[in-house]
């Protein structure tokens, strides 16, 4: 019979700490707003709820909100995941930005 250990296992917590999004520069705001408006338009046209889109794109609803409201510098991979969830692609999506 094994002797019982007095040690209890504690869950290992991540070393990462929350880092708030970087402040958006005024000269970048128009581009980020255009991306957010275009994404939201595609979502509505597709008839997809925010929850459904976010689940399919594997992002949080909060992340989508920040992108939609142009309050964050987004990651290109995130945008491409959202576009894939909307059955769209980056090349077609970014044509509106000339």
N, C-alpha and C. Protein backbone atom coordinates (compact mmCIF):
# COMPACT_ATOMS: atom_id res chain seq x y z
N UNK A 1 0.83 -1.18 0.00
CA UNK A 1 0.00 0.00 0.00
C UNK A 1 0.88 1.25 0.00
N UNK A 2 0.53 2.21 -0.85
CA UNK A 2 1.33 3.44 -0.95
C UNK A 2 1.00 4.39 0.18
N UNK A 3 2.02 5.11 0.62
CA UNK A 3 1.81 6.12 1.65
C UNK A 3 1.19 7.35 1.01
N UNK A 4 0.26 7.97 1.71
CA UNK A 4 -0.39 9.17 1.19
C UNK A 4 0.54 10.37 1.36
N UNK A 5 0.55 11.19 0.36
CA UNK A 5 1.36 12.40 0.40
C UNK A 5 0.52 13.54 0.96
N UNK A 6 1.15 14.41 1.70
CA UNK A 6 0.46 15.59 2.25
C UNK A 6 0.39 16.72 1.23
N UNK A 7 1.01 16.53 0.09
CA UNK A 7 1.01 17.57 -0.94
C UNK A 7 -0.29 17.53 -1.73
N UNK A 8 -0.83 18.69 -1.96
CA UNK A 8 -2.01 18.77 -2.82
C UNK A 8 -1.60 19.48 -4.10
N UNK A 9 -2.14 19.03 -5.18
CA UNK A 9 -1.80 19.63 -6.47
C UNK A 9 -2.60 20.91 -6.67
N UNK A 10 -1.90 21.96 -6.98
CA UNK A 10 -2.53 23.25 -7.27
C UNK A 10 -2.53 23.44 -8.78
N UNK A 11 -3.61 23.96 -9.32
CA UNK A 11 -3.61 24.20 -10.77
C UNK A 11 -2.55 25.23 -11.14
N UNK A 12 -1.90 24.98 -12.24
CA UNK A 12 -0.88 25.91 -12.73
C UNK A 12 -1.59 27.03 -13.48
N UNK A 13 -1.35 28.25 -13.05
CA UNK A 13 -1.98 29.39 -13.70
C UNK A 13 -1.02 29.98 -14.72
N UNK A 14 -1.60 30.52 -15.75
CA UNK A 14 -0.82 31.12 -16.82
C UNK A 14 -0.02 32.30 -16.29
N UNK A 15 1.16 32.46 -16.83
CA UNK A 15 2.02 33.58 -16.46
C UNK A 15 1.61 34.86 -17.19
N UNK A 16 0.77 34.72 -18.22
CA UNK A 16 0.36 35.89 -18.99
C UNK A 16 -0.55 36.77 -18.17
N UNK A 17 -0.33 38.05 -18.27
CA UNK A 17 -1.20 39.02 -17.62
C UNK A 17 -1.94 39.81 -18.69
N UNK A 18 -3.11 40.29 -18.33
CA UNK A 18 -3.91 41.08 -19.27
C UNK A 18 -3.16 42.33 -19.69
N UNK A 19 -3.13 42.55 -20.97
CA UNK A 19 -2.54 43.77 -21.53
C UNK A 19 -3.64 44.44 -22.34
N UNK A 20 -4.03 45.65 -21.95
CA UNK A 20 -5.11 46.33 -22.68
C UNK A 20 -4.67 46.65 -24.11
N UNK A 21 -5.65 46.78 -25.02
CA UNK A 21 -5.31 47.10 -26.42
C UNK A 21 -4.57 48.44 -26.51
N UNK A 22 -3.71 48.55 -27.52
CA UNK A 22 -3.00 49.80 -27.76
C UNK A 22 -3.99 50.87 -28.19
N UNK A 23 -3.67 52.11 -27.83
CA UNK A 23 -4.52 53.23 -28.23
C UNK A 23 -4.42 53.41 -29.75
N UNK A 24 -5.57 53.62 -30.37
CA UNK A 24 -5.62 53.77 -31.83
C UNK A 24 -5.16 55.18 -32.22
N UNK A 25 -4.23 55.24 -33.17
CA UNK A 25 -3.76 56.53 -33.66
C UNK A 25 -4.84 57.14 -34.54
N UNK A 26 -5.04 58.46 -34.46
CA UNK A 26 -6.08 59.13 -35.27
C UNK A 26 -5.97 58.84 -36.77
N UNK A 27 -4.75 58.76 -37.27
CA UNK A 27 -4.57 58.53 -38.71
C UNK A 27 -4.93 57.10 -39.14
N UNK A 28 -5.10 56.20 -38.19
CA UNK A 28 -5.47 54.81 -38.49
C UNK A 28 -6.96 54.55 -38.29
N UNK A 29 -7.64 55.47 -37.64
CA UNK A 29 -9.04 55.27 -37.24
C UNK A 29 -9.96 55.02 -38.45
N UNK A 30 -9.82 55.80 -39.51
CA UNK A 30 -10.71 55.67 -40.68
C UNK A 30 -10.60 54.28 -41.31
N UNK A 31 -9.38 53.77 -41.44
CA UNK A 31 -9.19 52.44 -42.01
C UNK A 31 -9.83 51.38 -41.12
N UNK A 32 -9.57 51.44 -39.83
CA UNK A 32 -10.12 50.45 -38.90
C UNK A 32 -11.65 50.52 -38.87
N UNK A 33 -12.20 51.73 -38.95
CA UNK A 33 -13.66 51.88 -38.99
C UNK A 33 -14.23 51.24 -40.26
N UNK A 34 -13.56 51.46 -41.39
CA UNK A 34 -14.03 50.88 -42.65
C UNK A 34 -14.04 49.36 -42.59
N UNK A 35 -13.02 48.77 -41.98
CA UNK A 35 -12.96 47.32 -41.83
C UNK A 35 -14.10 46.84 -40.95
N UNK A 36 -14.31 47.51 -39.82
CA UNK A 36 -15.39 47.13 -38.91
C UNK A 36 -16.76 47.21 -39.54
N UNK A 37 -17.02 48.29 -40.27
CA UNK A 37 -18.31 48.48 -40.95
C UNK A 37 -18.51 47.40 -42.01
N UNK A 38 -17.47 47.12 -42.77
CA UNK A 38 -17.56 46.10 -43.83
C UNK A 38 -17.82 44.72 -43.24
N UNK A 39 -17.12 44.37 -42.16
CA UNK A 39 -17.34 43.07 -41.52
C UNK A 39 -18.77 42.95 -41.00
N UNK A 40 -19.23 43.99 -40.34
CA UNK A 40 -20.59 43.96 -39.79
C UNK A 40 -21.63 43.86 -40.90
N UNK A 41 -21.39 44.55 -42.01
CA UNK A 41 -22.29 44.46 -43.15
C UNK A 41 -22.35 43.05 -43.72
N UNK A 42 -21.20 42.40 -43.83
CA UNK A 42 -21.16 41.03 -44.32
C UNK A 42 -21.90 40.08 -43.37
N UNK A 43 -21.71 40.29 -42.07
CA UNK A 43 -22.37 39.44 -41.08
C UNK A 43 -23.88 39.56 -41.19
N UNK A 44 -24.37 40.79 -41.29
CA UNK A 44 -25.81 41.03 -41.39
C UNK A 44 -26.36 40.46 -42.70
N UNK A 45 -25.63 40.70 -43.79
CA UNK A 45 -26.06 40.18 -45.10
C UNK A 45 -26.15 38.65 -45.07
N UNK A 46 -25.23 38.03 -44.36
CA UNK A 46 -25.20 36.57 -44.25
C UNK A 46 -26.30 36.06 -43.32
N UNK A 47 -26.89 36.96 -42.50
CA UNK A 47 -27.93 36.56 -41.57
C UNK A 47 -27.40 35.77 -40.39
N UNK A 48 -26.17 36.05 -40.01
CA UNK A 48 -25.51 35.31 -38.95
C UNK A 48 -25.48 36.14 -37.67
N UNK A 49 -25.76 35.53 -36.54
CA UNK A 49 -25.68 36.25 -35.27
C UNK A 49 -24.21 36.45 -34.90
N UNK A 50 -23.96 37.42 -34.04
CA UNK A 50 -22.59 37.67 -33.58
C UNK A 50 -22.04 36.43 -32.89
N UNK A 51 -22.85 35.81 -32.04
CA UNK A 51 -22.41 34.60 -31.33
C UNK A 51 -22.03 33.48 -32.29
N UNK A 52 -22.87 33.28 -33.30
CA UNK A 52 -22.62 32.23 -34.29
C UNK A 52 -21.33 32.51 -35.06
N UNK A 53 -21.15 33.76 -35.48
CA UNK A 53 -19.95 34.14 -36.21
C UNK A 53 -18.71 33.92 -35.36
N UNK A 54 -18.75 34.39 -34.13
CA UNK A 54 -17.59 34.29 -33.25
C UNK A 54 -17.24 32.84 -32.94
N UNK A 55 -18.24 32.03 -32.76
CA UNK A 55 -18.00 30.60 -32.50
C UNK A 55 -17.34 29.96 -33.72
N UNK A 56 -17.84 30.27 -34.89
CA UNK A 56 -17.30 29.71 -36.13
C UNK A 56 -15.88 30.22 -36.40
N UNK A 57 -15.63 31.50 -36.08
CA UNK A 57 -14.31 32.10 -36.32
C UNK A 57 -13.34 31.84 -35.17
N UNK A 58 -13.84 31.27 -34.08
CA UNK A 58 -13.03 30.96 -32.89
C UNK A 58 -12.41 32.20 -32.27
N UNK A 59 -13.25 33.24 -32.12
CA UNK A 59 -12.84 34.44 -31.40
C UNK A 59 -13.93 34.77 -30.39
N UNK A 60 -13.59 35.60 -29.42
CA UNK A 60 -14.58 36.00 -28.43
C UNK A 60 -15.50 37.08 -29.01
N UNK A 61 -16.67 37.19 -28.43
CA UNK A 61 -17.59 38.26 -28.86
C UNK A 61 -16.97 39.61 -28.55
N UNK A 62 -16.22 39.69 -27.46
CA UNK A 62 -15.57 40.95 -27.09
C UNK A 62 -14.53 41.34 -28.15
N UNK A 63 -13.77 40.37 -28.62
CA UNK A 63 -12.79 40.66 -29.68
C UNK A 63 -13.48 41.19 -30.93
N UNK A 64 -14.60 40.55 -31.29
CA UNK A 64 -15.35 41.01 -32.46
C UNK A 64 -15.87 42.43 -32.24
N UNK A 65 -16.37 42.70 -31.05
CA UNK A 65 -16.87 44.04 -30.73
C UNK A 65 -15.77 45.08 -30.88
N UNK A 66 -14.58 44.78 -30.37
CA UNK A 66 -13.46 45.72 -30.48
C UNK A 66 -13.10 45.98 -31.94
N UNK A 67 -13.12 44.94 -32.76
CA UNK A 67 -12.82 45.10 -34.19
C UNK A 67 -13.92 45.91 -34.86
N UNK A 68 -15.16 45.54 -34.59
CA UNK A 68 -16.31 46.20 -35.22
C UNK A 68 -16.35 47.69 -34.89
N UNK A 69 -16.01 48.03 -33.65
CA UNK A 69 -16.06 49.43 -33.22
C UNK A 69 -14.73 50.14 -33.40
N UNK A 70 -13.81 49.52 -34.11
CA UNK A 70 -12.47 50.06 -34.41
C UNK A 70 -11.73 50.53 -33.16
N UNK A 71 -11.77 49.69 -32.14
CA UNK A 71 -11.09 50.02 -30.88
C UNK A 71 -9.86 49.17 -30.64
N UNK A 72 -9.40 48.48 -31.68
CA UNK A 72 -8.24 47.60 -31.51
C UNK A 72 -7.51 47.45 -32.84
N UNK A 73 -6.19 47.29 -32.76
CA UNK A 73 -5.42 46.90 -33.93
C UNK A 73 -5.57 45.39 -34.04
N UNK A 74 -6.26 44.94 -35.06
CA UNK A 74 -6.54 43.53 -35.19
C UNK A 74 -5.38 42.77 -35.80
N UNK A 75 -5.40 41.48 -35.60
CA UNK A 75 -4.44 40.57 -36.18
C UNK A 75 -5.01 40.12 -37.53
N UNK A 76 -4.21 40.08 -38.55
CA UNK A 76 -4.68 39.71 -39.89
C UNK A 76 -5.27 38.30 -39.88
N UNK A 77 -4.67 37.39 -39.13
CA UNK A 77 -5.20 36.03 -39.06
C UNK A 77 -6.62 36.03 -38.49
N UNK A 78 -6.87 36.89 -37.51
CA UNK A 78 -8.21 36.98 -36.93
C UNK A 78 -9.21 37.43 -37.98
N UNK A 79 -8.86 38.45 -38.75
CA UNK A 79 -9.76 38.94 -39.80
C UNK A 79 -10.00 37.85 -40.84
N UNK A 80 -8.95 37.14 -41.21
CA UNK A 80 -9.11 36.06 -42.19
C UNK A 80 -10.00 34.94 -41.65
N UNK A 81 -9.90 34.64 -40.36
CA UNK A 81 -10.77 33.64 -39.74
C UNK A 81 -12.23 34.11 -39.76
N UNK A 82 -12.45 35.38 -39.48
CA UNK A 82 -13.81 35.93 -39.52
C UNK A 82 -14.34 35.88 -40.95
N UNK A 83 -13.51 36.26 -41.90
CA UNK A 83 -13.93 36.23 -43.31
C UNK A 83 -14.25 34.80 -43.76
N UNK A 84 -13.45 33.84 -43.34
CA UNK A 84 -13.74 32.44 -43.67
C UNK A 84 -15.07 32.01 -43.09
N UNK A 85 -15.34 32.44 -41.86
CA UNK A 85 -16.62 32.10 -41.21
C UNK A 85 -17.79 32.72 -41.97
N UNK A 86 -17.53 33.82 -42.66
CA UNK A 86 -18.56 34.50 -43.46
C UNK A 86 -18.54 34.06 -44.92
N UNK A 87 -17.77 33.03 -45.23
CA UNK A 87 -17.62 32.52 -46.60
C UNK A 87 -17.14 33.62 -47.55
N UNK A 88 -16.19 34.40 -47.09
CA UNK A 88 -15.60 35.46 -47.89
C UNK A 88 -14.09 35.26 -47.88
N UNK A 89 -13.37 36.09 -48.60
CA UNK A 89 -11.92 35.99 -48.58
C UNK A 89 -11.29 37.37 -48.51
N UNK A 90 -10.04 37.40 -48.09
CA UNK A 90 -9.33 38.65 -47.89
C UNK A 90 -9.16 39.49 -49.13
N UNK A 91 -8.87 38.84 -50.25
CA UNK A 91 -8.64 39.58 -51.49
C UNK A 91 -9.88 40.37 -51.89
N UNK A 92 -11.02 39.73 -51.85
CA UNK A 92 -12.27 40.39 -52.21
C UNK A 92 -12.63 41.45 -51.15
N UNK A 93 -12.43 41.11 -49.89
CA UNK A 93 -12.81 41.99 -48.80
C UNK A 93 -12.05 43.32 -48.84
N UNK A 94 -10.76 43.26 -49.06
CA UNK A 94 -9.95 44.48 -49.01
C UNK A 94 -9.93 45.27 -50.31
N UNK A 95 -10.67 44.86 -51.32
CA UNK A 95 -10.77 45.65 -52.55
C UNK A 95 -11.44 46.99 -52.30
N UNK A 96 -12.26 47.08 -51.27
CA UNK A 96 -12.94 48.35 -50.99
C UNK A 96 -11.96 49.40 -50.49
N UNK A 97 -10.76 49.00 -50.10
CA UNK A 97 -9.75 49.92 -49.59
C UNK A 97 -8.75 50.24 -50.69
N UNK A 98 -9.03 51.29 -51.46
CA UNK A 98 -8.10 51.68 -52.53
C UNK A 98 -7.52 53.03 -52.25
